[in-house]
Amino acid sequence: MYDPYAQQDPYAQQDLFDPDRQPQQLERRVNRLERQVEQHTREIDQLQRRLQRVNQRLRAVERRFNFPFTPFDGEF
């Protein structure tokens, strides 16, 4: 009987026909993951720039209406 929770020997020879371990498939998966990382990095950068602009506008509104700026006050 196969126990999926049994400790596997990391040094045991892997199944040579495991499709997840085929070089071409691994290469494609690595490339896809790298593209996803690049896309997420661009999205994060874009969101950080948008947040910076929103914060600048908020500070301008606070100055205009003379709202005291208190970081982390939880009031807004």
PDB file of N, CA and C in Angstrom:
ATOM      1  N   MET A   1       0.844  -1.185   0.000  1.00  0.00           N
ATOM      2  CA  MET A   1       0.000   0.000   0.000  1.00  0.00           C
ATOM      3  C   MET A   1       0.886   1.244   0.000  1.00  0.00           C
ATOM      4  N   TYR A   2       0.524   2.236  -0.762  1.00  0.00           N
ATOM      5  CA  TYR A   2       1.323   3.454  -0.891  1.00  0.00           C
ATOM      6  C   TYR A   2       0.891   4.461   0.167  1.00  0.00           C
ATOM      7  N   ASP A   3       1.863   4.949   0.919  1.00  0.00           N
ATOM      8  CA  ASP A   3       1.584   5.958   1.938  1.00  0.00           C
ATOM      9  C   ASP A   3       2.099   7.300   1.428  1.00  0.00           C
ATOM     10  N   PRO A   4       1.188   8.234   1.051  1.00  0.00           N
ATOM     11  CA  PRO A   4       1.661   9.518   0.503  1.00  0.00           C
ATOM     12  C   PRO A   4       2.385  10.377   1.522  1.00  0.00           C
ATOM     13  N   TYR A   5       2.230  10.066   2.802  1.00  0.00           N
ATOM     14  CA  TYR A   5       2.862  10.882   3.841  1.00  0.00           C
ATOM     15  C   TYR A   5       4.180  10.286   4.320  1.00  0.00           C
ATOM     16  N   ALA A   6       4.574   9.184   3.742  1.00  0.00           N
ATOM     17  CA  ALA A   6       5.824   8.544   4.157  1.00  0.00           C
ATOM     18  C   ALA A   6       7.003   9.421   3.749  1.00  0.00           C
ATOM     19  N   GLN A   7       8.028   9.407   4.577  1.00  0.00           N
ATOM     20  CA  GLN A   7       9.232  10.187   4.287  1.00  0.00           C
ATOM     21  C   GLN A   7       9.915   9.588   3.073  1.00  0.00           C
ATOM     22  N   GLN A   8      10.208  10.422   2.088  1.00  0.00           N
ATOM     23  CA  GLN A   8      10.885   9.938   0.897  1.00  0.00           C
ATOM     24  C   GLN A   8      12.367  10.246   0.999  1.00  0.00           C
ATOM     25  N   ASP A   9      13.149   9.329   0.504  1.00  0.00           N
ATOM     26  CA  ASP A   9      14.588   9.511   0.489  1.00  0.00           C
ATOM     27  C   ASP A   9      14.941  10.497  -0.624  1.00  0.00           C
ATOM     28  N   PRO A  10      15.468  11.681  -0.260  1.00  0.00           N
ATOM     29  CA  PRO A  10      15.770  12.669  -1.309  1.00  0.00           C
ATOM     30  C   PRO A  10      16.880  12.211  -2.248  1.00  0.00           C
ATOM     31  N   TYR A  11      17.663  11.215  -1.842  1.00  0.00           N
ATOM     32  CA  TYR A  11      18.760  10.739  -2.668  1.00  0.00           C
ATOM     33  C   TYR A  11      18.374   9.519  -3.503  1.00  0.00           C
ATOM     34  N   ALA A  12      17.151   9.024  -3.315  1.00  0.00           N
ATOM     35  CA  ALA A  12      16.705   7.881  -4.103  1.00  0.00           C
ATOM     36  C   ALA A  12      16.541   8.310  -5.555  1.00  0.00           C
ATOM     37  N   GLN A  13      16.767   7.369  -6.459  1.00  0.00           N
ATOM     38  CA  GLN A  13      16.650   7.695  -7.888  1.00  0.00           C
ATOM     39  C   GLN A  13      15.193   8.014  -8.207  1.00  0.00           C
ATOM     40  N   GLN A  14      15.003   9.108  -8.901  1.00  0.00           N
ATOM     41  CA  GLN A  14      13.669   9.543  -9.270  1.00  0.00           C
ATOM     42  C   GLN A  14      13.158   8.705 -10.437  1.00  0.00           C
ATOM     43  N   ASP A  15      11.852   8.630 -10.534  1.00  0.00           N
ATOM     44  CA  ASP A  15      11.232   7.935 -11.660  1.00  0.00           C
ATOM     45  C   ASP A  15      11.631   8.643 -12.949  1.00  0.00           C
ATOM     46  N   LEU A  16      12.261   7.916 -13.864  1.00  0.00           N
ATOM     47  CA  LEU A  16      12.762   8.528 -15.085  1.00  0.00           C
ATOM     48  C   LEU A  16      11.637   8.954 -16.024  1.00  0.00           C
ATOM     49  N   PHE A  17      10.455   8.442 -15.846  1.00  0.00           N
ATOM     50  CA  PHE A  17       9.353   8.757 -16.737  1.00  0.00           C
ATOM     51  C   PHE A  17       8.384   9.761 -16.133  1.00  0.00           C
ATOM     52  N   ASP A  18       8.770  10.383 -15.054  1.00  0.00           N
ATOM     53  CA  ASP A  18       7.930  11.398 -14.430  1.00  0.00           C
ATOM     54  C   ASP A  18       7.878  12.613 -15.352  1.00  0.00           C
ATOM     55  N   PRO A  19       6.702  12.953 -15.882  1.00  0.00           N
ATOM     56  CA  PRO A  19       6.648  14.072 -16.841  1.00  0.00           C
ATOM     57  C   PRO A  19       7.011  15.416 -16.230  1.00  0.00           C
ATOM     58  N   ASP A  20       6.846  15.569 -14.922  1.00  0.00           N
ATOM     59  CA  ASP A  20       7.199  16.840 -14.291  1.00  0.00           C
ATOM     60  C   ASP A  20       8.701  17.044 -14.218  1.00  0.00           C
ATOM     61  N   ARG A  21       9.452  15.988 -14.468  1.00  0.00           N
ATOM     62  CA  ARG A  21      10.899  16.098 -14.363  1.00  0.00           C
ATOM     63  C   ARG A  21      11.598  16.025 -15.719  1.00  0.00           C
ATOM     64  N   GLN A  22      10.835  16.045 -16.773  1.00  0.00           N
ATOM     65  CA  GLN A  22      11.445  16.032 -18.097  1.00  0.00           C
ATOM     66  C   GLN A  22      12.078  17.389 -18.363  1.00  0.00           C
ATOM     67  N   PRO A  23      13.279  17.433 -18.918  1.00  0.00           N
ATOM     68  CA  PRO A  23      13.992  18.713 -19.091  1.00  0.00           C
ATOM     69  C   PRO A  23      13.208  19.761 -19.880  1.00  0.00           C
ATOM     70  N   GLN A  24      12.591  19.382 -20.980  1.00  0.00           N
ATOM     71  CA  GLN A  24      11.878  20.384 -21.777  1.00  0.00           C
ATOM     72  C   GLN A  24      10.685  20.937 -21.024  1.00  0.00           C
ATOM     73  N   GLN A  25       9.972  20.067 -20.341  1.00  0.00           N
ATOM     74  CA  GLN A  25       8.813  20.542 -19.585  1.00  0.00           C
ATOM     75  C   GLN A  25       9.257  21.424 -18.422  1.00  0.00           C
ATOM     76  N   LEU A  26      10.345  21.040 -17.786  1.00  0.00           N
ATOM     77  CA  LEU A  26      10.853  21.871 -16.700  1.00  0.00           C
ATOM     78  C   LEU A  26      11.295  23.227 -17.226  1.00  0.00           C
ATOM     79  N   GLU A  27      11.949  23.225 -18.381  1.00  0.00           N
ATOM     80  CA  GLU A  27      12.404  24.481 -18.975  1.00  0.00           C
ATOM     81  C   GLU A  27      11.217  25.393 -19.282  1.00  0.00           C
ATOM     82  N   ARG A  28      10.160  24.815 -19.856  1.00  0.00           N
ATOM     83  CA  ARG A  28       8.969  25.622 -20.156  1.00  0.00           C
ATOM     84  C   ARG A  28       8.347  26.157 -18.873  1.00  0.00           C
ATOM     85  N   ARG A  29       8.279  25.317 -17.851  1.00  0.00           N
ATOM     86  CA  ARG A  29       7.686  25.758 -16.586  1.00  0.00           C
ATOM     87  C   ARG A  29       8.514  26.883 -15.956  1.00  0.00           C
ATOM     88  N   VAL A  30       9.834  26.736 -15.973  1.00  0.00           N
ATOM     89  CA  VAL A  30      10.722  27.774 -15.426  1.00  0.00           C
ATOM     90  C   VAL A  30      10.533  29.072 -16.196  1.00  0.00           C
ATOM     91  N   ASN A  31      10.471  28.970 -17.536  1.00  0.00           N
ATOM     92  CA  ASN A  31      10.280  30.171 -18.346  1.00  0.00           C
ATOM     93  C   ASN A  31       8.946  30.840 -18.037  1.00  0.00           C
ATOM     94  N   ARG A  32       7.902  30.031 -17.891  1.00  0.00           N
ATOM     95  CA  ARG A  32       6.591  30.596 -17.570  1.00  0.00           C
ATOM     96  C   ARG A  32       6.605  31.278 -16.195  1.00  0.00           C
ATOM     97  N   LEU A  33       7.235  30.638 -15.239  1.00  0.00           N
ATOM     98  CA  LEU A  33       7.317  31.232 -13.904  1.00  0.00           C
ATOM     99  C   LEU A  33       8.133  32.521 -13.924  1.00  0.00           C
ATOM    100  N   GLU A  34       9.209  32.552 -14.700  1.00  0.00           N
ATOM    101  CA  GLU A  34      10.008  33.776 -14.807  1.00  0.00           C
ATOM    102  C   GLU A  34       9.188  34.903 -15.416  1.00  0.00           C
ATOM    103  N   ARG A  35       8.393  34.585 -16.448  1.00  0.00           N
ATOM    104  CA  ARG A  35       7.533  35.614 -17.050  1.00  0.00           C
ATOM    105  C   ARG A  35       6.502  36.117 -16.047  1.00  0.00           C
ATOM    106  N   GLN A  36       5.955  35.200 -15.238  1.00  0.00           N
ATOM    107  CA  GLN A  36       4.986  35.612 -14.225  1.00  0.00           C
ATOM    108  C   GLN A  36       5.634  36.517 -13.189  1.00  0.00           C
ATOM    109  N   VAL A  37       6.851  36.190 -12.786  1.00  0.00           N
ATOM    110  CA  VAL A  37       7.560  37.023 -11.814  1.00  0.00           C
ATOM    111  C   VAL A  37       7.791  38.417 -12.393  1.00  0.00           C
ATOM    112  N   GLU A  38       8.210  38.477 -13.657  1.00  0.00           N
ATOM    113  CA  GLU A  38       8.433  39.781 -14.299  1.00  0.00           C
ATOM    114  C   GLU A  38       7.130  40.571 -14.381  1.00  0.00           C
ATOM    115  N   GLN A  39       6.039  39.891 -14.747  1.00  0.00           N
ATOM    116  CA  GLN A  39       4.746  40.572 -14.830  1.00  0.00           C
ATOM    117  C   GLN A  39       4.311  41.085 -13.462  1.00  0.00           C
ATOM    118  N   HIS A  40       4.452  40.260 -12.438  1.00  0.00           N
ATOM    119  CA  HIS A  40       4.069  40.689 -11.089  1.00  0.00           C
ATOM    120  C   HIS A  40       4.945  41.839 -10.612  1.00  0.00           C
ATOM    121  N   THR A  41       6.223  41.806 -10.947  1.00  0.00           N
ATOM    122  CA  THR A  41       7.120  42.898 -10.564  1.00  0.00           C
ATOM    123  C   THR A  41       6.684  44.203 -11.216  1.00  0.00           C
ATOM    124  N   ARG A  42       6.326  44.131 -12.515  1.00  0.00           N
ATOM    125  CA  ARG A  42       5.836  45.343 -13.195  1.00  0.00           C
ATOM    126  C   ARG A  42       4.535  45.841 -12.560  1.00  0.00           C
ATOM    127  N   GLU A  43       3.638  44.908 -12.225  1.00  0.00           N
ATOM    128  CA  GLU A  43       2.378  45.310 -11.597  1.00  0.00           C
ATOM    129  C   GLU A  43       2.619  45.962 -10.237  1.00  0.00           C
ATOM    130  N   ILE A  44       3.533  45.400  -9.467  1.00  0.00           N
ATOM    131  CA  ILE A  44       3.851  45.967  -8.151  1.00  0.00           C
ATOM    132  C   ILE A  44       4.424  47.366  -8.314  1.00  0.00           C
ATOM    133  N   ASP A  45       5.350  47.532  -9.263  1.00  0.00           N
ATOM    134  CA  ASP A  45       5.932  48.858  -9.500  1.00  0.00           C
ATOM    135  C   ASP A  45       4.856  49.868  -9.900  1.00  0.00           C
ATOM    136  N   GLN A  46       3.953  49.443 -10.780  1.00  0.00           N
ATOM    137  CA  GLN A  46       2.881  50.340 -11.217  1.00  0.00           C
ATOM    138  C   GLN A  46       1.980  50.716 -10.039  1.00  0.00           C
ATOM    139  N   LEU A  47       1.627  49.738  -9.218  1.00  0.00           N
ATOM    140  CA  LEU A  47       0.770  50.021  -8.068  1.00  0.00           C
ATOM    141  C   LEU A  47       1.475  50.914  -7.054  1.00  0.00           C
ATOM    142  N   GLN A  48       2.782  50.728  -6.886  1.00  0.00           N
ATOM    143  CA  GLN A  48       3.525  51.585  -5.957  1.00  0.00           C
ATOM    144  C   GLN A  48       3.526  53.027  -6.448  1.00  0.00           C
ATOM    145  N   ARG A  49       3.695  53.224  -7.772  1.00  0.00           N
ATOM    146  CA  ARG A  49       3.658  54.586  -8.315  1.00  0.00           C
ATOM    147  C   ARG A  49       2.271  55.204  -8.147  1.00  0.00           C
ATOM    148  N   ARG A  50       1.238  54.416  -8.389  1.00  0.00           N
ATOM    149  CA  ARG A  50      -0.123  54.935  -8.218  1.00  0.00           C
ATOM    150  C   ARG A  50      -0.386  55.303  -6.757  1.00  0.00           C
ATOM    151  N   LEU A  51       0.076  54.450  -5.842  1.00  0.00           N
ATOM    152  CA  LEU A  51      -0.105  54.740  -4.423  1.00  0.00           C
ATOM    153  C   LEU A  51       0.645  56.005  -4.029  1.00  0.00           C
ATOM    154  N   GLN A  52       1.829  56.186  -4.566  1.00  0.00           N
ATOM    155  CA  GLN A  52       2.603  57.393  -4.269  1.00  0.00           C
ATOM    156  C   GLN A  52       1.847  58.640  -4.738  1.00  0.00           C
ATOM    157  N   ARG A  53       1.253  58.577  -5.945  1.00  0.00           N
ATOM    158  CA  ARG A  53       0.485  59.719  -6.445  1.00  0.00           C
ATOM    159  C   ARG A  53      -0.753  59.980  -5.586  1.00  0.00           C
ATOM    160  N   VAL A  54      -1.429  58.912  -5.174  1.00  0.00           N
ATOM    161  CA  VAL A  54      -2.605  59.077  -4.310  1.00  0.00           C
ATOM    162  C   VAL A  54      -2.201  59.708  -2.985  1.00  0.00           C
ATOM    163  N   ASN A  55      -1.092  59.267  -2.415  1.00  0.00           N
ATOM    164  CA  ASN A  55      -0.619  59.843  -1.151  1.00  0.00           C
ATOM    165  C   ASN A  55      -0.262  61.318  -1.316  1.00  0.00           C
ATOM    166  N   GLN A  56       0.357  61.668  -2.452  1.00  0.00           N
ATOM    167  CA  GLN A  56       0.687  63.076  -2.689  1.00  0.00           C
ATOM    168  C   GLN A  56      -0.584  63.918  -2.770  1.00  0.00           C
ATOM    169  N   ARG A  57      -1.598  63.401  -3.481  1.00  0.00           N
ATOM    170  CA  ARG A  57      -2.862  64.144  -3.579  1.00  0.00           C
ATOM    171  C   ARG A  57      -3.535  64.270  -2.218  1.00  0.00           C
ATOM    172  N   LEU A  58      -3.491  63.201  -1.449  1.00  0.00           N
ATOM    173  CA  LEU A  58      -4.091  63.239  -0.117  1.00  0.00           C
ATOM    174  C   LEU A  58      -3.400  64.276   0.762  1.00  0.00           C
ATOM    175  N   ARG A  59      -2.077  64.325   0.703  1.00  0.00           N
ATOM    176  CA  ARG A  59      -1.350  65.332   1.499  1.00  0.00           C
ATOM    177  C   ARG A  59      -1.716  66.746   1.047  1.00  0.00           C
ATOM    178  N   ALA A  60      -1.908  66.928  -0.262  1.00  0.00           N
ATOM    179  CA  ALA A  60      -2.302  68.251  -0.764  1.00  0.00           C
ATOM    180  C   ALA A  60      -3.685  68.629  -0.229  1.00  0.00           C
ATOM    181  N   VAL A  61      -4.601  67.674  -0.202  1.00  0.00           N
ATOM    182  CA  VAL A  61      -5.945  67.944   0.335  1.00  0.00           C
ATOM    183  C   VAL A  61      -5.864  68.239   1.827  1.00  0.00           C
ATOM    184  N   GLU A  62      -5.037  67.467   2.540  1.00  0.00           N
ATOM    185  CA  GLU A  62      -4.886  67.703   3.978  1.00  0.00           C
ATOM    186  C   GLU A  62      -4.335  69.108   4.239  1.00  0.00           C
ATOM    187  N   ARG A  63      -3.359  69.520   3.436  1.00  0.00           N
ATOM    188  CA  ARG A  63      -2.815  70.874   3.618  1.00  0.00           C
ATOM    189  C   ARG A  63      -3.870  71.934   3.298  1.00  0.00           C
ATOM    190  N   ARG A  64      -4.616  71.706   2.228  1.00  0.00           N
ATOM    191  CA  ARG A  64      -5.611  72.703   1.813  1.00  0.00           C
ATOM    192  C   ARG A  64      -6.696  72.897   2.874  1.00  0.00           C
ATOM    193  N   PHE A  65      -7.162  71.812   3.457  1.00  0.00           N
ATOM    194  CA  PHE A  65      -8.221  71.896   4.458  1.00  0.00           C
ATOM    195  C   PHE A  65      -7.690  71.908   5.881  1.00  0.00           C
ATOM    196  N   ASN A  66      -6.380  71.988   5.991  1.00  0.00           N
ATOM    197  CA  ASN A  66      -5.715  72.085   7.288  1.00  0.00           C
ATOM    198  C   ASN A  66      -6.034  70.891   8.200  1.00  0.00           C
ATOM    199  N   PHE A  67      -6.061  69.700   7.597  1.00  0.00           N
ATOM    200  CA  PHE A  67      -6.214  68.492   8.404  1.00  0.00           C
ATOM    201  C   PHE A  67      -4.864  68.163   9.007  1.00  0.00           C
ATOM    202  N   PRO A  68      -4.813  67.899  10.280  1.00  0.00           N
ATOM    203  CA  PRO A  68      -3.521  67.492  10.853  1.00  0.00           C
ATOM    204  C   PRO A  68      -3.161  66.089  10.371  1.00  0.00           C
ATOM    205  N   PHE A  69      -1.964  65.944   9.915  1.00  0.00           N
ATOM    206  CA  PHE A  69      -1.504  64.629   9.446  1.00  0.00           C
ATOM    207  C   PHE A  69      -0.961  63.854  10.625  1.00  0.00           C
ATOM    208  N   THR A  70      -1.584  62.723  10.903  1.00  0.00           N
ATOM    209  CA  THR A  70      -1.113  61.825  11.961  1.00  0.00           C
ATOM    210  C   THR A  70      -1.022  60.425  11.371  1.00  0.00           C
ATOM    211  N   PRO A  71       0.160  59.968  11.084  1.00  0.00           N
ATOM    212  CA  PRO A  71       0.256  58.631  10.483  1.00  0.00           C
ATOM    213  C   PRO A  71      -0.236  57.545  11.443  1.00  0.00           C
ATOM    214  N   PHE A  72      -0.936  56.577  10.861  1.00  0.00           N
ATOM    215  CA  PHE A  72      -1.408  55.404  11.602  1.00  0.00           C
ATOM    216  C   PHE A  72      -2.387  55.757  12.710  1.00  0.00           C
ATOM    217  N   ASP A  73      -3.157  56.838  12.526  1.00  0.00           N
ATOM    218  CA  ASP A  73      -4.097  57.181  13.582  1.00  0.00           C
ATOM    219  C   ASP A  73      -5.413  56.399  13.447  1.00  0.00           C
ATOM    220  N   GLY A  74      -5.655  55.765  12.317  1.00  0.00           N
ATOM    221  CA  GLY A  74      -6.830  54.948  12.142  1.00  0.00           C
ATOM    222  C   GLY A  74      -8.121  55.720  12.049  1.00  0.00           C
ATOM    223  N   GLU A  75      -8.062  57.011  11.825  1.00  0.00           N
ATOM    224  CA  GLU A  75      -9.250  57.841  11.799  1.00  0.00           C
ATOM    225  C   GLU A  75      -9.915  57.853  10.427  1.00  0.00           C
ATOM    226  N   PHE A  76      -9.177  57.567   9.362  1.00  0.00           N
ATOM    227  CA  PHE A  76      -9.744  57.666   8.024  1.00  0.00           C
ATOM    228  C   PHE A  76     -10.005  56.306   7.456  1.00  0.00           C
TER     229      PHE A  76
END
